Amino acid sequence: MARIRIDYPEAKTLYQQDIVLRITDLNYGNHLAHDTLISLIHEARAKMFIACGHKEIDIEGVGIVVADLAISYRAEVFYPDTLTIEIAADELSRKGGDLVYRVTKTSDGSLVALAKTGIVFFDYDTRTAVNVPDAFKAMIAKASSVE
C-alpha cells in the first residue's frame, strides 16, 4: 500500500500552539481520535491567523477554504497529554498554498503526526477564488526573516 509522504518545511514555521487533550478527544481505542486531530489543527490554524492580526474568514477582506487534507499518523497519544502543533507554509501559488502541520507530544518532543491542508483564498461575497493577499505573503516573509 502506498503511504502518504508529508515533509515539514523546517525553515518556514509561522506559528506554534500547545493544546491539552480533553477526555472527550479520545476514541474507543482510548487514544486521540482522528477527527479530533483535524479539529485540533484547525484550532491552531485559526489561532495563527488571529495572532497575526487576521481571521481565517478575513485576511484583507477574503477568507480561506480548505481544498484538501492529508494526515500521516506516527504515534498514539492519550489523555491528558499536551500536544505542540507547529504550522509552516509551503508551495505558495497564485491563489493558495499548503499549510503543513507538525504535531508532537510536548513532554518529550516525539512526533505524533504530520498533516497538510491545501488552502485557497476565497472571496465569500463573489464566491470565487482570489489571489493570495499581500497580508498573507507578509506573514510568510516575517516568519522567514526570523529564522
Protein backbone atom coordinates (compact mmCIF):
# COMPACT_ATOMS: atom_id res chain seq x y z
CA MET A 1 0.00 0.00 0.00
CA ALA A 2 1.37 3.42 -0.95
CA ARG A 3 1.81 5.72 2.04
CA ILE A 4 1.25 9.47 2.11
CA ARG A 5 4.52 11.35 2.47
CA ILE A 6 4.47 14.75 4.15
CA ASP A 7 7.67 16.68 4.76
CA TYR A 8 7.68 19.53 7.26
CA PRO A 9 9.50 22.59 5.84
CA GLU A 10 11.75 23.41 8.82
CA ALA A 11 12.70 26.95 7.83
CA LYS A 12 9.12 28.06 7.19
CA THR A 13 7.44 27.78 10.61
CA LEU A 14 4.84 30.51 11.03
CA TYR A 15 3.28 29.60 14.36
CA GLN A 16 3.31 27.17 17.28
CA GLN A 17 0.45 26.28 19.63
CA ASP A 18 0.25 23.95 22.64
CA ILE A 19 -3.07 22.18 23.17
CA VAL A 20 -4.01 19.97 26.14
CA LEU A 21 -6.07 16.91 25.24
CA ARG A 22 -9.50 16.57 26.80
CA ILE A 23 -11.07 13.27 27.80
CA THR A 24 -13.61 13.80 25.00
CA ASP A 25 -10.75 13.85 22.42
CA LEU A 26 -10.28 10.08 22.74
CA ASN A 27 -11.84 7.35 20.63
CA TYR A 28 -12.85 3.82 21.62
CA GLY A 29 -9.18 2.79 21.35
CA ASN A 30 -8.56 5.20 24.24
CA HIS A 31 -6.18 7.35 22.17
CA LEU A 32 -6.55 10.59 20.19
CA ALA A 33 -9.38 10.29 17.66
CA HIS A 34 -8.60 11.03 14.00
CA ASP A 35 -11.47 13.51 13.64
CA THR A 36 -10.26 15.34 16.75
CA LEU A 37 -6.79 15.77 15.26
CA ILE A 38 -8.40 17.53 12.28
CA SER A 39 -10.22 19.83 14.72
CA LEU A 40 -7.00 20.50 16.66
CA ILE A 41 -5.05 21.54 13.57
CA HIS A 42 -7.99 23.76 12.59
CA GLU A 43 -7.89 25.35 16.05
CA ALA A 44 -4.16 26.00 15.74
CA ARG A 45 -4.62 27.45 12.23
CA ALA A 46 -7.39 29.80 13.44
CA LYS A 47 -5.21 30.95 16.35
CA MET A 48 -2.28 31.52 13.96
CA PHE A 49 -4.35 33.91 11.85
CA ILE A 50 -5.59 35.72 14.98
CA ALA A 51 -2.03 36.02 16.33
CA CYS A 52 -1.09 37.69 13.04
CA GLY A 53 -3.98 40.16 13.25
CA HIS A 54 -6.36 38.36 10.88
CA LYS A 55 -9.14 35.76 10.84
CA GLU A 56 -9.47 32.75 8.56
CA ILE A 57 -12.53 34.43 7.09
CA ASP A 58 -10.93 37.89 6.82
CA ILE A 59 -7.43 38.37 5.51
CA GLU A 60 -7.66 41.71 3.68
CA GLY A 61 -11.37 41.05 3.09
CA VAL A 62 -11.09 37.46 1.84
CA GLY A 63 -11.08 34.11 3.58
CA ILE A 64 -9.67 30.66 3.03
CA VAL A 65 -11.20 27.35 2.06
CA VAL A 66 -9.51 24.03 2.67
CA ALA A 67 -9.18 22.33 -0.70
CA ASP A 68 -7.52 19.13 0.52
CA LEU A 69 -6.24 17.46 3.66
CA ALA A 70 -3.69 14.72 4.31
CA ILE A 71 -2.50 13.24 7.60
CA SER A 72 0.29 10.81 8.37
CA TYR A 73 -0.03 9.37 11.87
CA ARG A 74 3.18 8.39 13.65
CA ALA A 75 2.32 7.65 17.30
CA GLU A 76 -0.53 7.36 19.76
CA VAL A 77 -1.25 9.99 22.38
CA PHE A 78 -3.51 9.73 25.39
CA TYR A 79 -5.41 11.85 27.87
CA PRO A 80 -4.15 14.18 29.39
CA ASP A 81 -1.14 14.62 27.05
CA THR A 82 -0.30 18.06 25.72
CA LEU A 83 0.44 18.45 22.02
CA THR A 84 2.54 21.07 20.29
CA ILE A 85 1.29 21.97 16.83
CA GLU A 86 3.67 23.83 14.53
CA ILE A 87 2.43 25.34 11.28
CA ALA A 88 4.53 26.14 8.22
CA ALA A 89 3.59 27.50 4.80
CA ASP A 90 4.82 25.78 1.67
CA GLU A 91 4.33 25.76 -2.10
CA LEU A 92 2.61 29.12 -2.35
CA SER A 93 0.87 29.61 -5.69
CA ARG A 94 -1.14 32.46 -7.19
CA LYS A 95 -4.37 31.61 -5.33
CA GLY A 96 -3.28 29.49 -2.39
CA GLY A 97 -0.72 27.14 -0.98
CA ASP A 98 -0.10 24.46 1.58
CA LEU A 99 -0.11 24.72 5.35
CA VAL A 100 1.93 21.91 6.86
CA TYR A 101 1.48 20.85 10.49
CA ARG A 102 3.91 19.00 12.74
CA VAL A 103 2.20 17.57 15.82
CA THR A 104 4.46 16.46 18.66
CA LYS A 105 3.99 15.36 22.23
CA THR A 106 5.05 18.37 24.29
CA SER A 107 6.60 16.36 27.13
CA ASP A 108 9.23 14.59 25.02
CA GLY A 109 9.01 16.08 21.51
CA SER A 110 8.09 12.75 19.94
CA LEU A 111 6.36 13.00 16.57
CA VAL A 112 2.63 12.25 16.69
CA ALA A 113 1.55 13.25 13.18
CA LEU A 114 2.30 15.31 10.11
CA ALA A 115 -0.56 16.93 8.24
CA LYS A 116 -1.10 19.18 5.26
CA THR A 117 -4.02 21.33 4.20
CA GLY A 118 -4.16 22.88 0.78
CA ILE A 119 -5.78 26.28 1.17
CA VAL A 120 -7.29 28.54 -1.45
CA PHE A 121 -8.04 32.21 -0.80
CA PHE A 122 -11.72 32.85 -1.42
CA ASP A 123 -13.99 35.87 -1.74
CA TYR A 124 -17.15 34.77 0.03
CA ASP A 125 -19.16 37.66 -1.48
CA THR A 126 -18.44 36.74 -5.11
CA ARG A 127 -17.93 33.00 -4.37
CA THR A 128 -14.67 32.94 -6.32
CA ALA A 129 -11.05 32.04 -5.68
CA VAL A 130 -8.79 35.10 -5.49
CA ASN A 131 -5.08 35.86 -5.44
CA VAL A 132 -3.11 35.35 -2.23
CA PRO A 133 -3.50 38.54 -0.16
CA ASP A 134 -0.41 40.63 0.47
CA ALA A 135 -1.03 40.28 4.22
CA PHE A 136 -0.57 36.50 3.98
CA LYS A 137 2.60 36.96 1.93
CA ALA A 138 3.81 39.33 4.66
CA MET A 139 3.07 36.69 7.35
CA ILE A 140 5.28 34.24 5.49
CA ALA A 141 8.02 36.80 4.88
CA LYS A 142 8.06 37.83 8.54
CA ALA A 143 8.42 34.22 9.72
CA SER A 144 11.19 33.61 7.20
CA SER A 145 13.13 36.68 8.33
CA VAL A 146 13.07 35.49 11.98
CA GLU A 147 14.93 32.27 11.16
